[in-house]
Structure formats: structure tokens, C-alpha cells
Amino acid sequence: MESNTNIAGAPVVAPVERNQTAKVVKSAENVKYEDSDHNNDAEYEEIPLGTIVANLAHPYSADNTNVLITTYAHFTPPLMIVIEKNYGVAKYNPITGDKEDNDSYRCLYYLSISGGFELQWFKRRELKKISGGSLDLFNSAKDKGIDKLKKGLLGKMAILTNVDLELDKKKIWSDNEGGISKEKVNNLLDYLPPLASIIDVKLNEDHQKYNEKNGKIIHRKSKVLVKLRWLNNITSKYSEDYVPLAALKIIDKQLELRNYSKKLTYLYSDPINLEESGITVSKVPLVIESIIWKHYYYIYRFQNLFTKQLQDVNYDEVLDETDLRHIINNSSFLNDSVNKFTKTPDENFKDRWFEIQYSDRNDRFTQRFIRIIEIFKETQEDGSEKHFIKAHCLLRSGKIRHFRIERIKGYKEVHEDFVKTFTI
């Protein structure tokens, strides 16, 4: 935190008159001058309050935040939220004649190493826009009085709107194990904000200032301040501070713990298109494995019964509870696959679904759901025959695969309700 200041009341740069010439540069990385006809309207600004920004040393851009960070990752700057803006007078570069933006922005972020919120002023030329942020809470409070605000906000949980970008920030490094260099990835959490409870709400009476001569806006900050209480990660005690509403989002439904039963199966919408067939497996069956708490929300980890792989489902994804024990069950596999698939006429198997236990040429064992297209054989040079099943494989996202019948260690046909339940 800057000395002699706090989030609620910051020293304001002396107001100056803004040049009225209009010019727009569309790139989010460059200066944009708002149309002078809309000088007092925040909605026409390129970087209004609540925008998530970074200084130019940050590797993220507005178009790409999927950047792995290496070497000394702790030089990576924070992702910040604009909470205050001074509108400076526009000037012209004496050498190039280009118009220069002298607006300045006060930015907020959480510093994990100190356990507190930090504030810093920046000129426009020092910043790049990363995201528009989340302004739902900010906009919903615009026309409400303090009593309604308190009624709606006190006791709620809130967090800075840059939390997801900070959670996804990753560093990469190489580790030598047994003479083999392996790359490892980990989260870079230097500026991860805490989940906090709202314990007070107050209004910023001087949230806007205007030029006395022309009536144009010269200073803007959040009208509403909320007092947060959170567990300080450094002191292990609770800390409190006021934070502008423009920097926050309410955390509500993410905190609701869903009680998925281990005895039930859940249908998840994750369409699989069967190659060259026009058939879609519209849903996949899941069973719960574990529940994971990720900083401010739950992740539900399931096993996909089609692939036997683990799949994470977030708090906002809806699953349909159902009983599929008669369709997907633990009944024993039959093991005479050669006779089953080679002695019966081929046309009897077309379009039928089976669950098989399969061992490939490298002895890798998998369990798969397949839809048979055809059964055929190949005669080898020595006169022997190899038998194959051509089928759609759900383990391979509906692609067509060929299976040596001799390598099928077990099989069972799925229930007749399988097609009605899963395919369209």
C-alpha cells in the first residue's frame, strides 16, 4: 500500500482541462481518445473503471492469456483492476505531431507476499488492456441507496475480478530426473486475491469531479466502497480494508456444495459424433470420484464410464441424475470372443453396441464401448486368417478403429436401452 493513502481515499492529481479533439485508435494496446461528445459517459471509454490491465512488461495480451512463463517467473507483474481515473489534458508530440494521452489510472491488486491490497498510479502509455473485467455487480449498484446496498451486500462473499486470470497464470521449468530433462508446470500465485466477506458498505461522495469551466469530467472513481474481511495469508489473522465495488464480484452459488451420490450415475452433455455415420452420442455417463476446493469454488471430479478417464465438472455445469444400472452394469464379461464374432453371420452384428476388454499389440489393456460397422478377415501369406472388427470407438471420440478379435479378452453386449438413452 502506498504510504499515507488507503483504498477508500487517495490523493487526487490536480484536474486539468481536456483537449476536445476526437481520435480513435482501435487497438486495445494503444491509446484511444473518447469522442468529445461523450466525454462524461464512462461507457464510451476504452478503459473504464473495473477494466483489468497490466503494465507493458506482462506477457499477457487482450487476445492471449494462455502463455507459459519461464526463467525467473516472479518478475511477472500483477494483473490489476482500474479503480480510479484522472483525465489529463491531451498534448502533441513536438517531434512526431502525434496526440499523446495524459490520462492516468489508479490500479488495484492483491500482493500475496505481504497479505494486503496494493495501489499504484499509471499513465496510459504504461498500460495494456487485458480484459473488460466483470461489471455486473458495479452496474447493479449504480442507482441504489445505501440502505438497499447494505441489505443486498452485507454478509456476502466477494473476490477481486482478476482472480480467474491470476489462478490460470502458470510457470514452467525443467527438472532433471534420472538424466532425463522433464518440463513441469505450476501455478504462479504471487498476486492471487483472497475470498473475503463483506462487513460494511459506504458511499464515495466525491466519486466524480468536473471541470468548472466546461463541465467535462476530470476525475472518476467508484461510487460504492465495501469493507472486506479475509484471512491474511501472512499473519494468519483476519484483515480488513475498503475496496471499490468496481473491482469485485459476488461469490454465491459457487459456494453451494452439491451432494453427488456415489451410488448414482449422472448424465453430462458432451456430444460425440460417430465418424461417417450421422449418429451422435449426445451424453456421457459419469460417477463421482472426489470433490476439490479450488480457492473460491468447488470442482467435482467424475469418472467417465465410456472412457474410464477422470473428468472435472465445474460448479456451473448441470448434470442429470439418473439410474443406469440396467444399462451400464458390473456384470461379468464373456471371454470366447473368437467364436462369438467369427462363427455368427456378419450382418447380425451391424450397428450393435458392445463393451469390450481389449489388449493391443503393445499389451496395453483398455475397456471400450464400440458400435460395430462390420466384421472381416484377412488371409496371411502362410494361409492363416486374422479376424477384425471395424467399429466406432467412444474411447477414441467416436473415430473408426479396427480391433483384432483375437485380442478381445472379454465382451458383453450393452442393454437395448443404451441407444435410446445416449444417441440421437
Protein backbone atom coordinates (compact mmCIF):
# COMPACT_ATOMS: atom_id res chain seq x y z
CA MET A 1 0.00 0.00 0.00
CA GLU A 2 1.27 3.47 -0.82
CA SER A 3 2.29 5.50 2.21
CA ASN A 4 -0.31 7.90 3.68
CA THR A 5 -3.09 6.51 1.45
CA ASN A 6 -5.70 3.80 1.51
CA ILE A 7 -8.09 2.29 -0.97
CA ALA A 8 -11.01 4.41 0.15
CA GLY A 9 -9.37 7.83 -0.13
CA ALA A 10 -6.47 8.50 -2.48
CA PRO A 11 -4.75 11.81 -3.25
CA VAL A 12 -6.11 13.20 -6.50
CA VAL A 13 -3.95 14.65 -9.24
CA ALA A 14 -4.85 18.27 -9.92
CA PRO A 15 -7.61 18.48 -12.57
CA VAL A 16 -6.85 19.98 -15.95
CA GLU A 17 -8.95 20.75 -18.99
CA ARG A 18 -9.10 18.02 -21.65
CA ASN A 19 -8.47 18.76 -25.31
CA GLN A 20 -11.72 18.19 -27.23
CA THR A 21 -10.26 16.83 -30.46
CA ALA A 22 -11.57 13.30 -31.13
CA LYS A 23 -9.39 10.45 -32.40
CA VAL A 24 -9.81 6.70 -32.13
CA VAL A 25 -7.12 4.05 -32.30
CA LYS A 26 -8.92 0.69 -32.25
CA SER A 27 -6.11 -1.49 -30.92
CA ALA A 28 -6.53 -2.28 -27.22
CA GLU A 29 -2.78 -1.99 -26.87
CA ASN A 30 -2.73 1.65 -27.99
CA VAL A 31 -4.10 5.00 -26.91
CA LYS A 32 -7.78 5.65 -27.59
CA TYR A 33 -9.35 9.07 -27.22
CA GLU A 34 -13.02 9.15 -26.44
CA ASP A 35 -15.32 11.22 -28.63
CA SER A 36 -15.59 14.64 -27.04
CA ASP A 37 -19.39 14.50 -27.41
CA HIS A 38 -19.40 11.64 -24.89
CA ASN A 39 -16.71 12.96 -22.61
CA ASN A 40 -18.80 12.39 -19.48
CA ASP A 41 -20.03 8.86 -20.38
CA ALA A 42 -17.97 6.01 -18.92
CA GLU A 43 -19.50 3.54 -21.40
CA TYR A 44 -17.61 5.20 -24.27
CA GLU A 45 -14.22 4.84 -22.61
CA GLU A 46 -11.71 2.27 -23.70
CA ILE A 47 -10.57 1.68 -20.11
CA PRO A 48 -13.47 2.39 -17.75
CA LEU A 49 -13.44 1.56 -14.05
CA GLY A 50 -13.30 -2.20 -13.49
CA THR A 51 -11.07 -2.93 -16.50
CA ILE A 52 -8.31 -5.48 -15.92
CA VAL A 53 -4.95 -4.16 -17.12
CA ALA A 54 -1.25 -4.92 -16.86
CA ASN A 55 1.86 -2.89 -17.45
CA LEU A 56 3.82 -3.48 -20.64
CA ALA A 57 6.21 -5.97 -19.00
CA HIS A 58 3.41 -8.53 -18.60
CA PRO A 59 3.38 -11.37 -21.19
CA TYR A 60 -0.42 -11.49 -21.47
CA SER A 61 -2.38 -9.59 -24.09
CA ALA A 62 -6.08 -8.99 -24.65
CA ASP A 63 -6.06 -11.79 -27.23
CA ASN A 64 -3.89 -14.36 -25.46
CA THR A 65 -3.66 -15.21 -21.78
CA ASN A 66 -2.51 -18.81 -22.40
CA VAL A 67 1.17 -18.03 -22.02
CA LEU A 68 3.53 -20.25 -20.00
CA ILE A 69 6.08 -18.21 -18.07
CA THR A 70 9.65 -19.43 -17.56
CA THR A 71 13.09 -18.34 -16.28
CA TYR A 72 12.54 -16.10 -13.20
CA ALA A 73 8.73 -16.12 -13.26
CA HIS A 74 8.45 -13.83 -10.21
CA PHE A 75 9.39 -10.84 -12.38
CA THR A 76 5.93 -11.21 -13.92
CA PRO A 77 3.83 -8.17 -12.91
CA PRO A 78 0.32 -8.38 -11.43
CA LEU A 79 -2.93 -8.21 -13.31
CA MET A 80 -4.58 -5.06 -11.95
CA ILE A 81 -8.06 -3.56 -11.81
CA VAL A 82 -8.67 0.11 -12.66
CA ILE A 83 -10.46 1.73 -9.72
CA GLU A 84 -9.83 5.44 -10.35
CA LYS A 85 -9.10 7.67 -13.32
CA ASN A 86 -7.78 11.22 -13.84
CA TYR A 87 -8.49 12.82 -17.22
CA GLY A 88 -5.40 14.76 -18.25
CA VAL A 89 -5.07 17.39 -20.95
CA ALA A 90 -4.11 15.96 -24.33
CA LYS A 91 -0.83 17.19 -25.78
CA TYR A 92 1.01 16.80 -29.07
CA ASN A 93 4.43 15.28 -29.51
CA PRO A 94 6.73 18.14 -30.70
CA ILE A 95 8.68 15.77 -32.98
CA THR A 96 6.01 13.49 -34.49
CA GLY A 97 2.93 15.65 -34.08
CA ASP A 98 1.06 12.66 -32.64
CA LYS A 99 -1.50 13.24 -29.97
CA GLU A 100 -0.48 11.96 -26.53
CA ASP A 101 -2.84 10.70 -23.86
CA ASN A 102 -2.12 12.07 -20.40
CA ASP A 103 -4.90 10.24 -18.60
CA SER A 104 -3.74 8.38 -15.51
CA TYR A 105 -5.19 5.29 -13.87
CA ARG A 106 -5.10 4.06 -10.31
CA CYS A 107 -4.87 0.30 -10.24
CA LEU A 108 -5.56 -2.25 -7.51
CA TYR A 109 -4.17 -5.75 -6.94
CA TYR A 110 -3.51 -8.13 -4.06
CA LEU A 111 0.09 -8.91 -3.10
CA SER A 112 0.30 -12.42 -1.65
CA ILE A 113 3.77 -11.92 -0.19
CA SER A 114 2.54 -9.08 2.06
CA GLY A 115 -1.05 -10.20 2.54
CA GLY A 116 -2.63 -6.90 1.52
CA PHE A 117 -4.11 -4.81 -1.29
CA GLU A 118 -1.75 -2.56 -3.25
CA LEU A 119 -2.45 0.61 -5.23
CA GLN A 120 -0.45 2.29 -7.96
CA TRP A 121 -0.95 5.15 -10.44
CA PHE A 122 0.00 4.61 -14.12
CA LYS A 123 -0.02 6.72 -17.27
CA ARG A 124 -1.96 5.32 -20.22
CA ARG A 125 1.24 4.64 -22.17
CA GLU A 126 2.40 2.27 -19.40
CA LEU A 127 -0.64 0.01 -19.58
CA LYS A 128 -2.24 -2.53 -21.85
CA LYS A 129 -5.81 -3.73 -21.57
CA ILE A 130 -6.21 -7.43 -20.77
CA SER A 131 -9.94 -7.83 -20.11
CA GLY A 132 -13.09 -5.79 -19.65
CA GLY A 133 -13.47 -7.33 -16.19
CA SER A 134 -16.79 -8.15 -14.56
CA LEU A 135 -19.04 -5.12 -14.06
CA ASP A 136 -22.34 -6.86 -13.20
CA LEU A 137 -22.08 -6.02 -9.51
CA PHE A 138 -20.82 -2.50 -10.22
CA ASN A 139 -23.65 -1.72 -12.66
CA SER A 140 -26.35 -3.23 -10.43
CA ALA A 141 -25.45 -0.80 -7.62
CA LYS A 142 -25.48 2.43 -9.66
CA ASP A 143 -28.93 3.66 -8.73
CA LYS A 144 -29.37 2.08 -5.29
CA GLY A 145 -29.29 3.92 -1.99
CA ILE A 146 -27.01 2.93 0.86
CA ASP A 147 -29.77 1.04 2.73
CA LYS A 148 -30.59 -1.17 -0.26
CA LEU A 149 -26.90 -1.73 -0.92
CA LYS A 150 -26.27 -2.86 2.63
CA LYS A 151 -29.29 -5.14 2.58
CA GLY A 152 -28.09 -6.78 -0.60
CA LEU A 153 -24.36 -6.98 0.13
CA LEU A 154 -23.70 -7.41 3.85
CA GLY A 155 -22.70 -10.97 4.65
CA LYS A 156 -21.98 -11.83 1.03
CA MET A 157 -18.67 -13.30 -0.11
CA ALA A 158 -16.67 -11.37 -2.71
CA ILE A 159 -13.37 -11.53 -4.56
CA LEU A 160 -11.38 -9.36 -6.99
CA THR A 161 -12.48 -9.79 -10.60
CA ASN A 162 -8.95 -10.64 -11.74
CA VAL A 163 -8.98 -13.88 -9.71
CA ASP A 164 -9.50 -16.27 -12.63
CA LEU A 165 -6.69 -14.73 -14.67
CA GLU A 166 -4.36 -14.99 -11.68
CA LEU A 167 -5.45 -18.58 -10.99
CA ASP A 168 -4.62 -19.53 -14.58
CA LYS A 169 -1.18 -17.87 -14.58
CA LYS A 170 1.35 -20.70 -14.94
CA LYS A 171 5.11 -21.03 -14.76
CA ILE A 172 7.14 -23.73 -16.48
CA TRP A 173 10.58 -25.13 -15.67
CA SER A 174 12.78 -28.12 -16.46
CA ASP A 175 13.71 -30.74 -13.88
CA ASN A 176 16.36 -33.38 -14.42
CA GLU A 177 15.24 -36.78 -13.20
CA GLY A 178 17.44 -39.80 -13.84
CA GLY A 179 19.35 -37.96 -16.53
CA ILE A 180 16.14 -37.04 -18.37
CA SER A 181 15.05 -33.41 -18.54
CA LYS A 182 11.32 -33.05 -17.90
CA GLU A 183 9.21 -29.92 -18.13
CA LYS A 184 6.95 -29.16 -15.18
CA VAL A 185 4.11 -26.67 -14.88
CA ASN A 186 2.87 -24.99 -11.73
CA ASN A 187 0.63 -22.06 -10.82
CA LEU A 188 2.18 -18.63 -10.32
CA LEU A 189 0.22 -17.27 -7.36
CA ASP A 190 2.14 -14.14 -6.36
CA TYR A 191 -0.94 -11.92 -6.74
CA LEU A 192 -3.86 -14.27 -6.10
CA PRO A 193 -6.63 -12.33 -4.27
CA PRO A 194 -8.42 -13.84 -1.26
CA LEU A 195 -12.07 -14.78 -0.88
CA ALA A 196 -13.49 -12.26 1.60
CA SER A 197 -16.75 -11.44 3.36
CA ILE A 198 -18.45 -8.03 3.07
CA ILE A 199 -18.86 -6.43 6.51
CA ASP A 200 -19.69 -2.81 5.62
CA VAL A 201 -20.80 -0.64 2.71
CA LYS A 202 -20.38 3.12 2.26
CA LEU A 203 -20.67 5.73 -0.47
CA ASN A 204 -17.87 7.75 -2.01
CA GLU A 205 -19.42 11.23 -2.09
CA ASP A 206 -16.71 12.68 -4.34
CA HIS A 207 -16.67 9.83 -6.84
CA GLN A 208 -16.81 12.25 -9.79
CA LYS A 209 -15.37 15.73 -10.38
CA TYR A 210 -15.98 18.09 -13.26
CA ASN A 211 -14.15 20.99 -14.83
CA GLU A 212 -15.73 24.21 -13.56
CA LYS A 213 -15.34 25.95 -16.94
CA ASN A 214 -16.70 23.41 -19.43
CA GLY A 215 -18.44 20.80 -17.25
CA LYS A 216 -16.40 17.89 -18.55
CA ILE A 217 -15.37 15.02 -16.33
CA ILE A 218 -11.84 15.29 -14.92
CA HIS A 219 -11.84 12.60 -12.23
CA ARG A 220 -13.80 9.38 -11.73
CA LYS A 221 -13.72 6.59 -9.13
CA SER A 222 -16.08 4.01 -7.70
CA LYS A 223 -19.21 5.41 -6.07
CA VAL A 224 -19.51 2.48 -3.65
CA LEU A 225 -16.87 1.09 -1.28
CA VAL A 226 -17.27 -2.18 0.56
CA LYS A 227 -15.30 -3.27 3.59
CA LEU A 228 -13.84 -6.74 3.23
CA ARG A 229 -12.66 -9.13 5.91
CA TRP A 230 -10.36 -12.00 4.91
CA LEU A 231 -7.88 -14.39 6.46
CA ASN A 232 -4.47 -12.81 5.93
CA ASN A 233 -2.18 -15.43 4.37
CA ILE A 234 0.90 -13.87 6.05
CA THR A 235 -0.28 -13.14 9.60
CA SER A 236 -2.86 -15.97 9.82
CA LYS A 237 -5.18 -13.35 11.34
CA TYR A 238 -8.18 -11.62 9.80
CA SER A 239 -7.53 -8.35 7.96
CA GLU A 240 -9.98 -5.64 6.89
CA ASP A 241 -9.92 -2.97 4.18
CA TYR A 242 -12.27 -0.97 1.96
CA VAL A 243 -12.30 -1.92 -1.73
CA PRO A 244 -14.16 -0.20 -4.61
CA LEU A 245 -17.18 -2.13 -5.82
CA ALA A 246 -15.90 -1.86 -9.41
CA ALA A 247 -13.10 -4.30 -8.55
CA LEU A 248 -15.30 -7.04 -7.07
CA LYS A 249 -17.64 -9.84 -7.99
CA ILE A 250 -20.01 -11.63 -5.61
CA ILE A 251 -19.35 -15.31 -4.96
CA ASP A 252 -22.64 -17.01 -4.20
CA LYS A 253 -23.66 -20.19 -5.99
CA GLN A 254 -20.00 -21.28 -6.27
CA LEU A 255 -20.07 -21.90 -2.51
CA GLU A 256 -23.02 -24.28 -2.66
CA LEU A 257 -21.72 -27.81 -2.12
CA ARG A 258 -23.58 -30.31 -4.28
CA ASN A 259 -24.07 -33.73 -2.76
CA TYR A 260 -23.45 -36.11 -5.63
CA SER A 261 -24.11 -39.71 -4.60
CA LYS A 262 -21.55 -42.44 -5.28
CA LYS A 263 -24.48 -44.81 -5.84
CA LEU A 264 -25.91 -42.87 -8.78
CA THR A 265 -24.88 -42.17 -12.34
CA TYR A 266 -25.04 -38.68 -13.87
CA LEU A 267 -25.56 -37.69 -17.50
CA TYR A 268 -23.26 -34.97 -18.81
CA SER A 269 -23.81 -33.16 -22.10
CA ASP A 270 -20.63 -33.78 -24.09
CA PRO A 271 -21.60 -34.80 -27.65
CA ILE A 272 -19.53 -37.40 -29.51
CA ASN A 273 -20.06 -37.57 -33.28
CA LEU A 274 -19.56 -41.05 -34.66
CA GLU A 275 -17.33 -40.77 -37.72
CA GLU A 276 -19.05 -41.09 -41.14
CA SER A 277 -22.36 -42.14 -39.61
CA GLY A 278 -24.53 -39.10 -38.85
CA ILE A 279 -25.05 -40.52 -35.35
CA THR A 280 -24.25 -38.54 -32.21
CA VAL A 281 -23.77 -39.84 -28.70
CA SER A 282 -25.27 -36.78 -27.01
CA LYS A 283 -24.45 -37.55 -23.37
CA VAL A 284 -21.86 -39.44 -21.38
CA PRO A 285 -22.38 -41.28 -18.07
CA LEU A 286 -20.34 -40.13 -15.05
CA VAL A 287 -19.85 -41.39 -11.48
CA ILE A 288 -18.43 -39.15 -8.74
CA GLU A 289 -14.84 -39.73 -7.64
CA SER A 290 -13.94 -36.73 -5.47
CA ILE A 291 -14.73 -33.09 -4.67
CA ILE A 292 -11.98 -30.48 -4.93
CA TRP A 293 -11.96 -26.96 -3.46
CA LYS A 294 -10.18 -24.55 -5.84
CA HIS A 295 -9.64 -21.27 -3.97
CA TYR A 296 -13.21 -19.99 -4.24
CA TYR A 297 -15.29 -22.72 -5.88
CA TYR A 298 -15.79 -26.48 -6.00
CA ILE A 299 -14.65 -28.78 -8.77
CA TYR A 300 -16.40 -32.14 -9.00
CA ARG A 301 -14.22 -34.95 -10.32
CA PHE A 302 -16.04 -37.80 -12.03
CA GLN A 303 -15.09 -40.96 -13.85
CA ASN A 304 -16.37 -41.14 -17.42
CA LEU A 305 -17.81 -44.64 -17.81
CA PHE A 306 -17.30 -44.60 -21.57
CA THR A 307 -13.57 -43.87 -21.35
CA LYS A 308 -12.76 -44.82 -17.71
CA GLN A 309 -10.93 -41.49 -17.53
CA LEU A 310 -11.37 -38.74 -14.92
CA GLN A 311 -13.28 -35.62 -15.90
CA ASP A 312 -13.69 -32.37 -13.97
CA VAL A 313 -17.06 -30.62 -13.83
CA ASN A 314 -17.29 -27.02 -12.59
CA TYR A 315 -19.90 -25.61 -10.24
CA ASP A 316 -21.98 -24.02 -13.03
CA GLU A 317 -22.34 -27.17 -15.14
CA VAL A 318 -25.58 -29.10 -14.73
CA LEU A 319 -25.74 -32.89 -14.52
CA ASP A 320 -28.87 -35.00 -14.81
CA GLU A 321 -29.23 -37.58 -12.05
CA THR A 322 -30.32 -40.99 -13.27
CA ASP A 323 -30.18 -44.71 -12.61
CA LEU A 324 -28.31 -46.54 -15.37
CA ARG A 325 -27.58 -49.76 -13.52
CA HIS A 326 -29.58 -51.79 -16.03
CA ILE A 327 -27.66 -50.24 -18.97
CA ILE A 328 -24.12 -49.88 -17.63
CA ASN A 329 -23.54 -52.57 -15.03
CA ASN A 330 -20.85 -54.65 -13.42
CA SER A 331 -21.95 -57.95 -14.93
CA SER A 332 -19.20 -60.34 -15.95
CA PHE A 333 -17.56 -60.20 -19.35
CA LEU A 334 -17.78 -63.24 -21.61
CA ASN A 335 -14.45 -64.49 -22.92
CA ASP A 336 -14.99 -66.61 -26.04
CA SER A 337 -14.75 -63.66 -28.45
CA VAL A 338 -13.27 -65.59 -31.39
CA ASN A 339 -16.20 -67.96 -31.61
CA LYS A 340 -18.71 -65.19 -30.81
CA PHE A 341 -17.66 -62.85 -33.61
CA THR A 342 -16.40 -65.29 -36.26
CA LYS A 343 -18.97 -68.10 -36.18
CA THR A 344 -22.06 -65.86 -36.35
CA PRO A 345 -23.03 -64.27 -39.70
CA ASP A 346 -21.52 -60.78 -40.01
CA GLU A 347 -24.80 -58.97 -40.71
CA ASN A 348 -26.09 -59.98 -37.28
CA PHE A 349 -23.62 -57.60 -35.61
CA LYS A 350 -24.00 -54.47 -37.72
CA ASP A 351 -24.98 -51.38 -35.65
CA ARG A 352 -24.91 -53.31 -32.36
CA TRP A 353 -23.08 -51.90 -29.31
CA PHE A 354 -20.63 -53.89 -27.21
CA GLU A 355 -18.37 -53.23 -24.26
CA ILE A 356 -15.04 -54.97 -24.76
CA GLN A 357 -11.82 -55.57 -22.86
CA TYR A 358 -9.03 -55.15 -25.38
CA SER A 359 -5.26 -55.66 -25.37
CA ASP A 360 -3.35 -54.03 -28.23
CA ARG A 361 -0.11 -55.19 -29.87
CA ASN A 362 1.87 -53.50 -27.07
CA ASP A 363 -0.17 -55.31 -24.39
CA ARG A 364 -1.86 -52.09 -23.30
CA PHE A 365 -5.20 -53.04 -21.79
CA THR A 366 -8.31 -50.87 -22.21
CA GLN A 367 -12.05 -51.17 -21.75
CA ARG A 368 -14.12 -49.69 -24.57
CA PHE A 369 -17.64 -49.13 -25.84
CA ILE A 370 -17.83 -49.83 -29.56
CA ARG A 371 -20.51 -49.75 -32.27
CA ILE A 372 -19.83 -52.45 -34.85
CA ILE A 373 -19.77 -51.44 -38.53
CA GLU A 374 -18.55 -54.74 -39.99
CA ILE A 375 -16.55 -57.89 -39.23
CA PHE A 376 -13.98 -59.10 -41.75
CA LYS A 377 -10.94 -61.32 -42.05
CA GLU A 378 -7.56 -61.14 -43.77
CA THR A 379 -5.68 -64.15 -45.08
CA GLN A 380 -1.95 -64.09 -44.33
CA GLU A 381 0.87 -65.36 -46.56
CA ASP A 382 1.10 -68.58 -44.56
CA GLY A 383 -2.60 -69.25 -45.12
CA SER A 384 -3.68 -68.28 -41.59
CA GLU A 385 -6.50 -65.85 -41.00
CA LYS A 386 -6.77 -62.74 -38.85
CA HIS A 387 -10.22 -61.55 -37.85
CA PHE A 388 -11.12 -57.88 -37.33
CA ILE A 389 -13.99 -55.75 -36.10
CA LYS A 390 -14.41 -52.34 -37.72
CA ALA A 391 -16.25 -50.13 -35.23
CA HIS A 392 -16.83 -46.69 -33.81
CA CYS A 393 -14.92 -46.36 -30.54
CA LEU A 394 -16.07 -44.00 -27.78
CA LEU A 395 -12.63 -44.16 -26.15
CA ARG A 396 -11.34 -42.52 -29.34
CA SER A 397 -14.04 -39.83 -29.53
CA GLY A 398 -16.23 -41.76 -31.98
CA LYS A 399 -13.49 -42.41 -34.54
CA ILE A 400 -13.48 -45.59 -36.60
CA ARG A 401 -10.99 -48.17 -35.32
CA HIS A 402 -10.09 -51.76 -36.20
CA PHE A 403 -9.82 -54.42 -33.49
CA ARG A 404 -8.16 -57.83 -33.77
CA ILE A 405 -10.79 -60.23 -32.48
CA GLU A 406 -8.07 -62.45 -31.04
CA ARG A 407 -7.04 -59.60 -28.74
CA ILE A 408 -10.52 -59.11 -27.27
CA LYS A 409 -10.16 -60.61 -23.80
CA GLY A 410 -13.77 -60.12 -22.80
CA TYR A 411 -17.03 -58.76 -24.18
CA LYS A 412 -20.65 -58.10 -23.32
CA GLU A 413 -23.47 -56.58 -25.33
CA VAL A 414 -24.95 -53.40 -23.87
CA HIS A 415 -28.62 -53.19 -22.91
CA GLU A 416 -31.16 -52.32 -25.60
CA ASP A 417 -31.92 -49.03 -23.79
CA PHE A 418 -28.35 -47.84 -24.48
CA VAL A 419 -29.24 -46.36 -27.87
CA LYS A 420 -32.42 -44.66 -26.61
CA THR A 421 -30.56 -43.13 -23.66
CA PHE A 422 -27.36 -41.90 -25.28
CA THR A 423 -27.74 -41.46 -29.05
CA ILE A 424 -29.58 -39.07 -31.30
